[in-house]
């Protein structure tokens, strides 16, 4: 059963509507009008997601002779991800980049792609999330909430980092308060790995690490660097427990209001953005690793088998419906 309700964010949406009123954004309903798709992002301007989507906007503007463009608002300017989804749904904002954990709260079948062990690596992940035969029904399942899922951006492999010392196995995480995204899968994932999950918004993590409110977090090397978490948590343990996934969602009404010509250009530029982002991810991960090592971050390997064994029961717990099993089996089959 898919969820059809958002948490109560009406006040935030109303306040954001007033803020955005001054930002323009044309109405595409009339001939000759232009449409600016405002996109909410929780990353910095140096992150691959910003770069790829900013280029998408510029190229789309050229391809449509100025009729359609995308303006990326970085650094949670338009609110945290949970707020951004609500704003896209009600049309206050046209697009957003949101973690897969946000979408599982709207349709539990998105949980499948948030589970450890579903994807072997980024190449496997991107093959799956771009395959219409696997994801077509899943991506269209939120249209009754005025949300269209365009597709996915990789978050790369995610690992544990903290300020106390190396993590070698699950026993080293006992009692460790670890920031997670707000989802049942993430909560159970950290518990299975031996830690104590502490849900919080992404923008709060630096201060929480610095003040000791949390002991650790889990993320990829690119975000670890660009969000400066490496300044307050110098130990990065290569648990590689999850290949994370972001989605780009668009307001369904705004998406369908485009002319056939402009929508074709929009879709073409989105496909190009996915390709650019995936290439950037590989390059930026390598650069981030070198920069982090140079700044004094301590990387260490872990008992991979111990973590895999601890996490394996999550598949059985969350892949329970026939439709979820179909998605999971198709994703795993694509690995070969």
C-alpha atoms as a PDB file:
ATOM      1  CA  UNK A   1       0.000   0.000   0.000  1.00  0.00           C
ATOM      2  CA  UNK A   2       1.432   3.351  -0.954  1.00  0.00           C
ATOM      3  CA  UNK A   3       1.208   6.293   1.391  1.00  0.00           C
ATOM      4  CA  UNK A   4      -0.973   9.176   0.221  1.00  0.00           C
ATOM      5  CA  UNK A   5      -0.252  11.671   2.940  1.00  0.00           C
ATOM      6  CA  UNK A   6       2.667  13.940   3.721  1.00  0.00           C
ATOM      7  CA  UNK A   7       3.624  15.023   7.215  1.00  0.00           C
ATOM      8  CA  UNK A   8       2.210  18.374   8.243  1.00  0.00           C
ATOM      9  CA  UNK A   9       4.334  20.884   6.387  1.00  0.00           C
ATOM     10  CA  UNK A  10       1.667  23.307   5.286  1.00  0.00           C
ATOM     11  CA  UNK A  11       3.141  26.153   7.304  1.00  0.00           C
ATOM     12  CA  UNK A  12       6.575  25.657   5.767  1.00  0.00           C
ATOM     13  CA  UNK A  13       5.071  25.449   2.291  1.00  0.00           C
ATOM     14  CA  UNK A  14       3.123  28.658   2.789  1.00  0.00           C
ATOM     15  CA  UNK A  15       6.194  30.521   4.014  1.00  0.00           C
ATOM     16  CA  UNK A  16       8.256  29.202   1.119  1.00  0.00           C
ATOM     17  CA  UNK A  17       5.594  30.260  -1.348  1.00  0.00           C
ATOM     18  CA  UNK A  18       5.982  33.854  -0.196  1.00  0.00           C
ATOM     19  CA  UNK A  19       9.768  33.598  -0.476  1.00  0.00           C
ATOM     20  CA  UNK A  20       9.632  32.168  -3.967  1.00  0.00           C
ATOM     21  CA  UNK A  21       7.090  34.656  -5.238  1.00  0.00           C
ATOM     22  CA  UNK A  22       9.926  37.151  -5.647  1.00  0.00           C
ATOM     23  CA  UNK A  23      12.006  34.641  -7.607  1.00  0.00           C
ATOM     24  CA  UNK A  24       9.830  34.716 -10.687  1.00  0.00           C
ATOM     25  CA  UNK A  25       9.184  31.500 -12.594  1.00  0.00           C
ATOM     26  CA  UNK A  26       7.122  31.902 -15.696  1.00  0.00           C
ATOM     27  CA  UNK A  27       3.761  30.354 -16.432  1.00  0.00           C
ATOM     28  CA  UNK A  28       3.982  27.881 -19.316  1.00  0.00           C
ATOM     29  CA  UNK A  29       0.231  27.827 -19.919  1.00  0.00           C
ATOM     30  CA  UNK A  30       0.177  30.415 -22.655  1.00  0.00           C
ATOM     31  CA  UNK A  31       1.825  30.526 -26.054  1.00  0.00           C
ATOM     32  CA  UNK A  32       5.203  32.159 -25.998  1.00  0.00           C
ATOM     33  CA  UNK A  33       5.504  32.069 -22.211  1.00  0.00           C
ATOM     34  CA  UNK A  34       8.659  30.778 -20.529  1.00  0.00           C
ATOM     35  CA  UNK A  35       8.849  28.328 -17.654  1.00  0.00           C
ATOM     36  CA  UNK A  36      11.568  28.233 -15.016  1.00  0.00           C
ATOM     37  CA  UNK A  37      11.763  24.962 -13.092  1.00  0.00           C
ATOM     38  CA  UNK A  38      13.084  25.802  -9.634  1.00  0.00           C
ATOM     39  CA  UNK A  39      15.000  22.847  -8.213  1.00  0.00           C
ATOM     40  CA  UNK A  40      15.690  22.248  -4.515  1.00  0.00           C
ATOM     41  CA  UNK A  41      19.042  20.657  -3.627  1.00  0.00           C
ATOM     42  CA  UNK A  42      20.658  20.013  -0.242  1.00  0.00           C
ATOM     43  CA  UNK A  43      24.231  19.925  -1.576  1.00  0.00           C
ATOM     44  CA  UNK A  44      26.794  22.642  -2.317  1.00  0.00           C
ATOM     45  CA  UNK A  45      27.606  24.252  -5.670  1.00  0.00           C
ATOM     46  CA  UNK A  46      30.712  22.031  -5.972  1.00  0.00           C
ATOM     47  CA  UNK A  47      28.766  18.771  -5.720  1.00  0.00           C
ATOM     48  CA  UNK A  48      28.262  16.640  -8.883  1.00  0.00           C
ATOM     49  CA  UNK A  49      24.483  16.903  -8.525  1.00  0.00           C
ATOM     50  CA  UNK A  50      24.609  20.698  -8.672  1.00  0.00           C
ATOM     51  CA  UNK A  51      27.036  20.732 -11.595  1.00  0.00           C
ATOM     52  CA  UNK A  52      25.074  18.236 -13.699  1.00  0.00           C
ATOM     53  CA  UNK A  53      21.700  19.868 -13.030  1.00  0.00           C
ATOM     54  CA  UNK A  54      23.001  23.405 -13.524  1.00  0.00           C
ATOM     55  CA  UNK A  55      24.353  22.315 -16.908  1.00  0.00           C
ATOM     56  CA  UNK A  56      21.017  20.658 -17.659  1.00  0.00           C
ATOM     57  CA  UNK A  57      19.306  24.000 -17.038  1.00  0.00           C
ATOM     58  CA  UNK A  58      21.674  25.933 -19.261  1.00  0.00           C
ATOM     59  CA  UNK A  59      21.478  23.400 -22.088  1.00  0.00           C
ATOM     60  CA  UNK A  60      17.700  23.171 -21.825  1.00  0.00           C
ATOM     61  CA  UNK A  61      17.403  26.941 -22.058  1.00  0.00           C
ATOM     62  CA  UNK A  62      19.394  26.851 -25.309  1.00  0.00           C
ATOM     63  CA  UNK A  63      17.533  23.845 -26.709  1.00  0.00           C
ATOM     64  CA  UNK A  64      14.139  25.493 -26.184  1.00  0.00           C
ATOM     65  CA  UNK A  65      15.160  29.017 -27.183  1.00  0.00           C
ATOM     66  CA  UNK A  66      14.544  30.200 -23.640  1.00  0.00           C
ATOM     67  CA  UNK A  67      11.107  28.647 -23.219  1.00  0.00           C
ATOM     68  CA  UNK A  68      12.175  26.212 -20.467  1.00  0.00           C
ATOM     69  CA  UNK A  69      15.028  26.422 -17.963  1.00  0.00           C
ATOM     70  CA  UNK A  70      16.102  24.911 -14.645  1.00  0.00           C
ATOM     71  CA  UNK A  71      17.430  27.035 -11.784  1.00  0.00           C
ATOM     72  CA  UNK A  72      19.155  25.030  -9.044  1.00  0.00           C
ATOM     73  CA  UNK A  73      18.869  26.281  -5.431  1.00  0.00           C
ATOM     74  CA  UNK A  74      21.711  24.641  -3.478  1.00  0.00           C
ATOM     75  CA  UNK A  75      22.470  24.288   0.248  1.00  0.00           C
ATOM     76  CA  UNK A  76      18.886  23.568   1.361  1.00  0.00           C
ATOM     77  CA  UNK A  77      17.904  27.131   0.399  1.00  0.00           C
ATOM     78  CA  UNK A  78      14.387  25.864  -0.290  1.00  0.00           C
ATOM     79  CA  UNK A  79      14.272  23.658   2.789  1.00  0.00           C
ATOM     80  CA  UNK A  80      15.324  20.164   3.809  1.00  0.00           C
ATOM     81  CA  UNK A  81      14.328  17.231   1.633  1.00  0.00           C
ATOM     82  CA  UNK A  82      11.106  16.357   3.421  1.00  0.00           C
ATOM     83  CA  UNK A  83       9.947  19.947   2.996  1.00  0.00           C
ATOM     84  CA  UNK A  84      11.114  20.007  -0.629  1.00  0.00           C
ATOM     85  CA  UNK A  85       8.951  17.020  -1.556  1.00  0.00           C
ATOM     86  CA  UNK A  86       5.881  18.760  -0.174  1.00  0.00           C
ATOM     87  CA  UNK A  87       6.754  21.933  -2.066  1.00  0.00           C
ATOM     88  CA  UNK A  88       7.134  20.019  -5.335  1.00  0.00           C
ATOM     89  CA  UNK A  89       3.870  18.176  -4.770  1.00  0.00           C
ATOM     90  CA  UNK A  90       1.883  21.359  -4.258  1.00  0.00           C
ATOM     91  CA  UNK A  91       3.691  23.174  -7.084  1.00  0.00           C
ATOM     92  CA  UNK A  92       5.444  25.831  -4.995  1.00  0.00           C
ATOM     93  CA  UNK A  93       8.727  24.404  -6.321  1.00  0.00           C
ATOM     94  CA  UNK A  94       8.879  22.462  -9.561  1.00  0.00           C
ATOM     95  CA  UNK A  95      11.749  20.003  -8.914  1.00  0.00           C
ATOM     96  CA  UNK A  96      13.881  18.540  -6.142  1.00  0.00           C
ATOM     97  CA  UNK A  97      16.686  16.096  -5.541  1.00  0.00           C
ATOM     98  CA  UNK A  98      15.665  13.777  -2.726  1.00  0.00           C
ATOM     99  CA  UNK A  99      17.149  10.676  -1.163  1.00  0.00           C
ATOM    100  CA  UNK A 100      15.496   7.345  -1.770  1.00  0.00           C
ATOM    101  CA  UNK A 101      14.678   7.221   1.925  1.00  0.00           C
ATOM    102  CA  UNK A 102      12.263  10.118   1.414  1.00  0.00           C
ATOM    103  CA  UNK A 103      10.335   8.306  -1.305  1.00  0.00           C
ATOM    104  CA  UNK A 104       9.973   5.117   0.723  1.00  0.00           C
ATOM    105  CA  UNK A 105       7.774   7.148   3.072  1.00  0.00           C
ATOM    106  CA  UNK A 106       5.387   7.739   0.149  1.00  0.00           C
ATOM    107  CA  UNK A 107       5.518   4.258  -1.385  1.00  0.00           C
ATOM    108  CA  UNK A 108       7.195   1.467   0.629  1.00  0.00           C
ATOM    109  CA  UNK A 109       8.319  -0.293  -2.545  1.00  0.00           C
ATOM    110  CA  UNK A 110      11.071   2.320  -2.905  1.00  0.00           C
ATOM    111  CA  UNK A 111      12.606   0.585   0.142  1.00  0.00           C
ATOM    112  CA  UNK A 112      13.962  -2.124  -2.141  1.00  0.00           C
ATOM    113  CA  UNK A 113      16.583   0.188  -3.649  1.00  0.00           C
ATOM    114  CA  UNK A 114      17.547   1.520  -0.204  1.00  0.00           C
ATOM    115  CA  UNK A 115      18.576  -1.877   1.142  1.00  0.00           C
ATOM    116  CA  UNK A 116      22.199  -2.956   1.590  1.00  0.00           C
ATOM    117  CA  UNK A 117      23.251  -5.601  -0.906  1.00  0.00           C
ATOM    118  CA  UNK A 118      20.769  -4.755  -3.657  1.00  0.00           C
ATOM    119  CA  UNK A 119      23.405  -3.065  -5.820  1.00  0.00           C
ATOM    120  CA  UNK A 120      26.922  -4.418  -6.260  1.00  0.00           C
ATOM    121  CA  UNK A 121      28.374  -1.097  -7.396  1.00  0.00           C
ATOM    122  CA  UNK A 122      27.482   2.186  -9.096  1.00  0.00           C
ATOM    123  CA  UNK A 123      27.539   0.687 -12.602  1.00  0.00           C
ATOM    124  CA  UNK A 124      25.042  -1.982 -11.569  1.00  0.00           C
ATOM    125  CA  UNK A 125      22.871   0.579  -9.783  1.00  0.00           C
ATOM    126  CA  UNK A 126      22.632   2.968 -12.708  1.00  0.00           C
ATOM    127  CA  UNK A 127      21.838   0.106 -15.076  1.00  0.00           C
ATOM    128  CA  UNK A 128      18.863  -0.836 -12.894  1.00  0.00           C
ATOM    129  CA  UNK A 129      17.451   2.615 -12.114  1.00  0.00           C
ATOM    130  CA  UNK A 130      17.521   3.560 -15.789  1.00  0.00           C
ATOM    131  CA  UNK A 131      15.735   0.399 -16.957  1.00  0.00           C
ATOM    132  CA  UNK A 132      12.099   1.213 -17.731  1.00  0.00           C
ATOM    133  CA  UNK A 133      11.091  -2.445 -17.521  1.00  0.00           C
ATOM    134  CA  UNK A 134      12.240  -2.550 -13.891  1.00  0.00           C
ATOM    135  CA  UNK A 135      11.358   0.924 -12.603  1.00  0.00           C
ATOM    136  CA  UNK A 136       8.546   2.132 -14.859  1.00  0.00           C
ATOM    137  CA  UNK A 137       5.644   1.319 -12.546  1.00  0.00           C
ATOM    138  CA  UNK A 138       7.614   2.396  -9.473  1.00  0.00           C
ATOM    139  CA  UNK A 139       8.480   5.799 -10.903  1.00  0.00           C
ATOM    140  CA  UNK A 140       4.890   6.520 -11.942  1.00  0.00           C
ATOM    141  CA  UNK A 141       3.428   5.361  -8.612  1.00  0.00           C
ATOM    142  CA  UNK A 142       3.553   8.841  -7.063  1.00  0.00           C
ATOM    143  CA  UNK A 143       1.695  10.692  -9.796  1.00  0.00           C
ATOM    144  CA  UNK A 144      -1.483  10.633  -7.713  1.00  0.00           C
ATOM    145  CA  UNK A 145       0.490  12.893  -5.359  1.00  0.00           C
ATOM    146  CA  UNK A 146       1.471  15.159  -8.273  1.00  0.00           C
ATOM    147  CA  UNK A 147       5.045  13.830  -8.269  1.00  0.00           C
ATOM    148  CA  UNK A 148       6.824  12.336 -11.275  1.00  0.00           C
ATOM    149  CA  UNK A 149      10.127  10.553 -10.690  1.00  0.00           C
ATOM    150  CA  UNK A 150      12.478  11.396 -13.550  1.00  0.00           C
ATOM    151  CA  UNK A 151      15.176   8.960 -12.473  1.00  0.00           C
ATOM    152  CA  UNK A 152      18.136   8.451 -10.190  1.00  0.00           C
ATOM    153  CA  UNK A 153      21.531   9.918  -9.342  1.00  0.00           C
ATOM    154  CA  UNK A 154      24.014   7.702  -7.565  1.00  0.00           C
ATOM    155  CA  UNK A 155      25.205   8.556  -4.067  1.00  0.00           C
ATOM    156  CA  UNK A 156      28.096   6.122  -4.484  1.00  0.00           C
ATOM    157  CA  UNK A 157      29.102   3.682  -1.780  1.00  0.00           C
ATOM    158  CA  UNK A 158      28.423   4.843   1.762  1.00  0.00           C
ATOM    159  CA  UNK A 159      30.616   4.181   4.795  1.00  0.00           C
ATOM    160  CA  UNK A 160      30.870   5.063   8.484  1.00  0.00           C
ATOM    161  CA  UNK A 161      32.907   8.014   9.766  1.00  0.00           C
ATOM    162  CA  UNK A 162      33.411   9.234  13.313  1.00  0.00           C
ATOM    163  CA  UNK A 163      35.631  11.264  15.644  1.00  0.00           C
ATOM    164  CA  UNK A 164      36.641   8.503  18.063  1.00  0.00           C
ATOM    165  CA  UNK A 165      38.656   5.924  16.143  1.00  0.00           C
ATOM    166  CA  UNK A 166      38.611   3.187  13.479  1.00  0.00           C
ATOM    167  CA  UNK A 167      35.624   0.890  13.137  1.00  0.00           C
ATOM    168  CA  UNK A 168      36.727  -2.644  12.257  1.00  0.00           C
ATOM    169  CA  UNK A 169      33.528  -4.601  12.840  1.00  0.00           C
ATOM    170  CA  UNK A 170      30.010  -4.369  14.308  1.00  0.00           C
ATOM    171  CA  UNK A 171      31.329  -4.644  17.865  1.00  0.00           C
ATOM    172  CA  UNK A 172      33.180  -1.335  17.457  1.00  0.00           C
ATOM    173  CA  UNK A 173      29.880   0.430  16.799  1.00  0.00           C
ATOM    174  CA  UNK A 174      28.254  -0.647  20.062  1.00  0.00           C
ATOM    175  CA  UNK A 175      26.693   2.383  21.764  1.00  0.00           C
ATOM    176  CA  UNK A 176      27.843   4.712  18.974  1.00  0.00           C
ATOM    177  CA  UNK A 177      25.192   7.329  18.105  1.00  0.00           C
ATOM    178  CA  UNK A 178      25.115   7.472  14.317  1.00  0.00           C
ATOM    179  CA  UNK A 179      23.186   9.941  12.194  1.00  0.00           C
ATOM    180  CA  UNK A 180      20.783   8.308   9.761  1.00  0.00           C
ATOM    181  CA  UNK A 181      18.161   9.545   7.361  1.00  0.00           C
ATOM    182  CA  UNK A 182      14.601   9.385   8.586  1.00  0.00           C
ATOM    183  CA  UNK A 183      13.489   5.945   7.396  1.00  0.00           C
ATOM    184  CA  UNK A 184      12.755   2.555   8.886  1.00  0.00           C
ATOM    185  CA  UNK A 185      15.321   0.901   6.620  1.00  0.00           C
ATOM    186  CA  UNK A 186      18.088   3.247   7.763  1.00  0.00           C
ATOM    187  CA  UNK A 187      17.183   2.808  11.423  1.00  0.00           C
ATOM    188  CA  UNK A 188      17.275  -0.974  11.130  1.00  0.00           C
ATOM    189  CA  UNK A 189      20.451  -0.851   9.041  1.00  0.00           C
ATOM    190  CA  UNK A 190      22.444   0.956  11.734  1.00  0.00           C
ATOM    191  CA  UNK A 191      21.003  -1.270  14.471  1.00  0.00           C
ATOM    192  CA  UNK A 192      22.057  -4.348  12.485  1.00  0.00           C
ATOM    193  CA  UNK A 193      25.556  -2.898  12.098  1.00  0.00           C
ATOM    194  CA  UNK A 194      25.813  -2.524  15.883  1.00  0.00           C
ATOM    195  CA  UNK A 195      25.164   1.205  16.319  1.00  0.00           C
ATOM    196  CA  UNK A 196      22.452   3.420  17.795  1.00  0.00           C
ATOM    197  CA  UNK A 197      20.633   5.311  15.009  1.00  0.00           C
ATOM    198  CA  UNK A 198      19.990   9.038  15.444  1.00  0.00           C
ATOM    199  CA  UNK A 199      17.699  10.430  12.712  1.00  0.00           C
ATOM    200  CA  UNK A 200      18.310  14.051  11.728  1.00  0.00           C
ATOM    201  CA  UNK A 201      18.317  16.374   8.735  1.00  0.00           C
ATOM    202  CA  UNK A 202      21.453  16.443   6.618  1.00  0.00           C
ATOM    203  CA  UNK A 203      22.135  20.121   7.306  1.00  0.00           C
ATOM    204  CA  UNK A 204      22.377  19.474  11.053  1.00  0.00           C
ATOM    205  CA  UNK A 205      25.091  16.796  10.891  1.00  0.00           C
ATOM    206  CA  UNK A 206      28.205  18.999  11.029  1.00  0.00           C
ATOM    207  CA  UNK A 207      27.134  20.780  14.205  1.00  0.00           C
ATOM    208  CA  UNK A 208      25.924  17.536  15.775  1.00  0.00           C
ATOM    209  CA  UNK A 209      29.292  15.878  15.145  1.00  0.00           C
ATOM    210  CA  UNK A 210      31.169  18.922  16.366  1.00  0.00           C
ATOM    211  CA  UNK A 211      29.170  19.178  19.597  1.00  0.00           C
ATOM    212  CA  UNK A 212      29.087  15.463  20.331  1.00  0.00           C
ATOM    213  CA  UNK A 213      25.316  15.144  19.950  1.00  0.00           C
ATOM    214  CA  UNK A 214      26.166  12.259  17.616  1.00  0.00           C
ATOM    215  CA  UNK A 215      29.336  10.183  17.444  1.00  0.00           C
ATOM    216  CA  UNK A 216      29.280   9.281  13.773  1.00  0.00           C
ATOM    217  CA  UNK A 217      27.499   9.466  10.440  1.00  0.00           C
ATOM    218  CA  UNK A 218      27.385   7.435   7.250  1.00  0.00           C
ATOM    219  CA  UNK A 219      27.848   8.827   3.774  1.00  0.00           C
ATOM    220  CA  UNK A 220      30.038   8.849   0.687  1.00  0.00           C
ATOM    221  CA  UNK A 221      33.452  10.492   0.400  1.00  0.00           C
ATOM    222  CA  UNK A 222      32.205  13.325  -1.832  1.00  0.00           C
ATOM    223  CA  UNK A 223      29.584  14.538   0.655  1.00  0.00           C
ATOM    224  CA  UNK A 224      31.946  13.863   3.560  1.00  0.00           C
ATOM    225  CA  UNK A 225      34.335  16.357   1.969  1.00  0.00           C
ATOM    226  CA  UNK A 226      31.960  18.953   0.494  1.00  0.00           C
ATOM    227  CA  UNK A 227      29.933  19.195   3.719  1.00  0.00           C
ATOM    228  CA  UNK A 228      33.211  19.484   5.704  1.00  0.00           C
ATOM    229  CA  UNK A 229      32.288  16.617   8.011  1.00  0.00           C
ATOM    230  CA  UNK A 230      35.922  15.530   7.718  1.00  0.00           C
ATOM    231  CA  UNK A 231      36.870  18.528   9.875  1.00  0.00           C
ATOM    232  CA  UNK A 232      35.024  17.081  12.879  1.00  0.00           C
ATOM    233  CA  UNK A 233      35.163  13.324  12.193  1.00  0.00           C
ATOM    234  CA  UNK A 234      38.608  12.233  11.028  1.00  0.00           C
ATOM    235  CA  UNK A 235      38.125   8.441  11.008  1.00  0.00           C
ATOM    236  CA  UNK A 236      36.580   7.001   7.835  1.00  0.00           C
ATOM    237  CA  UNK A 237      35.950   3.237   7.933  1.00  0.00           C
ATOM    238  CA  UNK A 238      35.315   1.598   4.557  1.00  0.00           C
ATOM    239  CA  UNK A 239      32.189  -0.347   5.473  1.00  0.00           C
ATOM    240  CA  UNK A 240      30.785   0.245   1.970  1.00  0.00           C
ATOM    241  CA  UNK A 241      27.511  -0.989   3.403  1.00  0.00           C
ATOM    242  CA  UNK A 242      25.242   0.656   0.856  1.00  0.00           C
ATOM    243  CA  UNK A 243      25.248   2.051  -2.675  1.00  0.00           C
ATOM    244  CA  UNK A 244      23.042   5.075  -2.052  1.00  0.00           C
ATOM    245  CA  UNK A 245      20.549   6.620  -4.425  1.00  0.00           C
ATOM    246  CA  UNK A 246      19.016  10.050  -4.961  1.00  0.00           C
ATOM    247  CA  UNK A 247      15.986  10.702  -7.131  1.00  0.00           C
ATOM    248  CA  UNK A 248      15.046  13.778  -9.105  1.00  0.00           C
ATOM    249  CA  UNK A 249      11.317  14.458  -8.837  1.00  0.00           C
ATOM    250  CA  UNK A 250       9.262  16.981 -10.776  1.00  0.00           C
ATOM    251  CA  UNK A 251       5.798  18.409 -10.248  1.00  0.00           C
ATOM    252  CA  UNK A 252       3.587  16.308 -12.525  1.00  0.00           C
ATOM    253  CA  UNK A 253       1.369  19.192 -13.617  1.00  0.00           C
ATOM    254  CA  UNK A 254       4.361  21.336 -14.579  1.00  0.00           C
ATOM    255  CA  UNK A 255       6.006  18.423 -16.388  1.00  0.00           C
ATOM    256  CA  UNK A 256       2.906  17.600 -18.411  1.00  0.00           C
ATOM    257  CA  UNK A 257       2.139  21.257 -19.185  1.00  0.00           C
ATOM    258  CA  UNK A 258       5.157  21.520 -21.484  1.00  0.00           C
ATOM    259  CA  UNK A 259       4.606  21.241 -25.207  1.00  0.00           C
ATOM    260  CA  UNK A 260       5.617  17.921 -26.803  1.00  0.00           C
ATOM    261  CA  UNK A 261       8.670  19.607 -28.315  1.00  0.00           C
ATOM    262  CA  UNK A 262       9.843  21.112 -25.034  1.00  0.00           C
ATOM    263  CA  UNK A 263       9.180  17.943 -23.073  1.00  0.00           C
ATOM    264  CA  UNK A 264      11.289  15.979 -25.532  1.00  0.00           C
ATOM    265  CA  UNK A 265      14.118  18.483 -25.035  1.00  0.00           C
ATOM    266  CA  UNK A 266      13.639  18.294 -21.260  1.00  0.00           C
ATOM    267  CA  UNK A 267      13.857  14.490 -21.276  1.00  0.00           C
ATOM    268  CA  UNK A 268      16.929  14.546 -23.519  1.00  0.00           C
ATOM    269  CA  UNK A 269      18.722  16.989 -21.233  1.00  0.00           C
ATOM    270  CA  UNK A 270      17.766  14.935 -18.178  1.00  0.00           C
ATOM    271  CA  UNK A 271      19.325  11.843 -19.777  1.00  0.00           C
ATOM    272  CA  UNK A 272      22.467  13.850 -20.497  1.00  0.00           C
ATOM    273  CA  UNK A 273      22.535  15.062 -16.876  1.00  0.00           C
ATOM    274  CA  UNK A 274      22.458  11.464 -15.587  1.00  0.00           C
ATOM    275  CA  UNK A 275      25.385  10.535 -17.824  1.00  0.00           C
ATOM    276  CA  UNK A 276      27.347  13.616 -16.767  1.00  0.00           C
ATOM    277  CA  UNK A 277      26.613  13.052 -13.078  1.00  0.00           C
ATOM    278  CA  UNK A 278      27.746   9.418 -13.166  1.00  0.00           C
ATOM    279  CA  UNK A 279      31.018  10.381 -14.839  1.00  0.00           C
ATOM    280  CA  UNK A 280      31.557  13.244 -12.423  1.00  0.00           C
ATOM    281  CA  UNK A 281      30.890  10.946  -9.501  1.00  0.00           C
ATOM    282  CA  UNK A 282      33.793   8.668 -10.384  1.00  0.00           C
ATOM    283  CA  UNK A 283      36.179  11.578 -10.912  1.00  0.00           C
ATOM    284  CA  UNK A 284      35.089  13.508  -7.827  1.00  0.00           C
ATOM    285  CA  UNK A 285      35.260  10.441  -5.589  1.00  0.00           C
ATOM    286  CA  UNK A 286      38.874   9.859  -6.590  1.00  0.00           C
ATOM    287  CA  UNK A 287      39.709  13.539  -6.045  1.00  0.00           C
ATOM    288  CA  UNK A 288      37.906  13.605  -2.707  1.00  0.00           C
ATOM    289  CA  UNK A 289      39.795  10.571  -1.443  1.00  0.00           C
ATOM    290  CA  UNK A 290      43.159  12.136  -2.263  1.00  0.00           C
ATOM    291  CA  UNK A 291      42.201  15.469  -0.715  1.00  0.00           C
ATOM    292  CA  UNK A 292      40.872  13.791   2.414  1.00  0.00           C
ATOM    293  CA  UNK A 293      44.049  11.770   2.861  1.00  0.00           C
ATOM    294  CA  UNK A 294      46.052  14.961   2.486  1.00  0.00           C
ATOM    295  CA  UNK A 295      43.990  16.661   5.180  1.00  0.00           C
ATOM    296  CA  UNK A 296      44.742  13.978   7.743  1.00  0.00           C
ATOM    297  CA  UNK A 297      41.673  11.750   7.461  1.00  0.00           C
ATOM    298  CA  UNK A 298      42.411   8.197   8.584  1.00  0.00           C
ATOM    299  CA  UNK A 299      40.943   5.565   6.270  1.00  0.00           C
ATOM    300  CA  UNK A 300      40.695   1.934   7.353  1.00  0.00           C
ATOM    301  CA  UNK A 301      39.306  -1.311   5.980  1.00  0.00           C
ATOM    302  CA  UNK A 302      36.796  -3.398   7.917  1.00  0.00           C
ATOM    303  CA  UNK A 303      35.637  -6.975   8.379  1.00  0.00           C
ATOM    304  CA  UNK A 304      33.400  -6.879   5.318  1.00  0.00           C
ATOM    305  CA  UNK A 305      32.029 -10.385   5.822  1.00  0.00           C
ATOM    306  CA  UNK A 306      30.904  -9.562   9.374  1.00  0.00           C
ATOM    307  CA  UNK A 307      28.943  -6.518   8.213  1.00  0.00           C
ATOM    308  CA  UNK A 308      27.402  -8.392   5.269  1.00  0.00           C
ATOM    309  CA  UNK A 309      26.241 -11.167   7.584  1.00  0.00           C
ATOM    310  CA  UNK A 310      24.749  -8.637  10.002  1.00  0.00           C
ATOM    311  CA  UNK A 311      22.871  -6.804   7.233  1.00  0.00           C
ATOM    312  CA  UNK A 312      21.552  -9.802   5.282  1.00  0.00           C
ATOM    313  CA  UNK A 313      18.327 -10.229   7.353  1.00  0.00           C
ATOM    314  CA  UNK A 314      17.116  -6.799   6.184  1.00  0.00           C
ATOM    315  CA  UNK A 315      16.304  -8.227   2.749  1.00  0.00           C
ATOM    316  CA  UNK A 316      13.954 -10.809   4.230  1.00  0.00           C
ATOM    317  CA  UNK A 317      12.352  -8.219   6.505  1.00  0.00           C
ATOM    318  CA  UNK A 318      11.605  -5.600   3.850  1.00  0.00           C
ATOM    319  CA  UNK A 319      11.190  -7.538   0.597  1.00  0.00           C
ATOM    320  CA  UNK A 320       7.850  -9.127   1.450  1.00  0.00           C
ATOM    321  CA  UNK A 321       5.223  -8.256  -1.186  1.00  0.00           C
ATOM    322  CA  UNK A 322       5.068  -9.848  -4.619  1.00  0.00           C
ATOM    323  CA  UNK A 323       5.741  -6.507  -6.308  1.00  0.00           C
ATOM    324  CA  UNK A 324       8.747  -5.775  -4.064  1.00  0.00           C
ATOM    325  CA  UNK A 325      10.132  -9.250  -4.737  1.00  0.00           C
ATOM    326  CA  UNK A 326       9.733  -8.673  -8.470  1.00  0.00           C
ATOM    327  CA  UNK A 327      11.709  -5.414  -8.268  1.00  0.00           C
ATOM    328  CA  UNK A 328      14.394  -6.993  -6.068  1.00  0.00           C
ATOM    329  CA  UNK A 329      14.784 -10.076  -8.280  1.00  0.00           C
ATOM    330  CA  UNK A 330      15.024  -7.922 -11.418  1.00  0.00           C
ATOM    331  CA  UNK A 331      17.636  -5.701  -9.799  1.00  0.00           C
ATOM    332  CA  UNK A 332      19.752  -8.644  -8.702  1.00  0.00           C
ATOM    333  CA  UNK A 333      19.423 -10.320 -12.115  1.00  0.00           C
ATOM    334  CA  UNK A 334      20.808  -7.173 -13.726  1.00  0.00           C
ATOM    335  CA  UNK A 335      24.048  -7.639 -11.793  1.00  0.00           C
ATOM    336  CA  UNK A 336      24.993 -10.493 -14.117  1.00  0.00           C
END
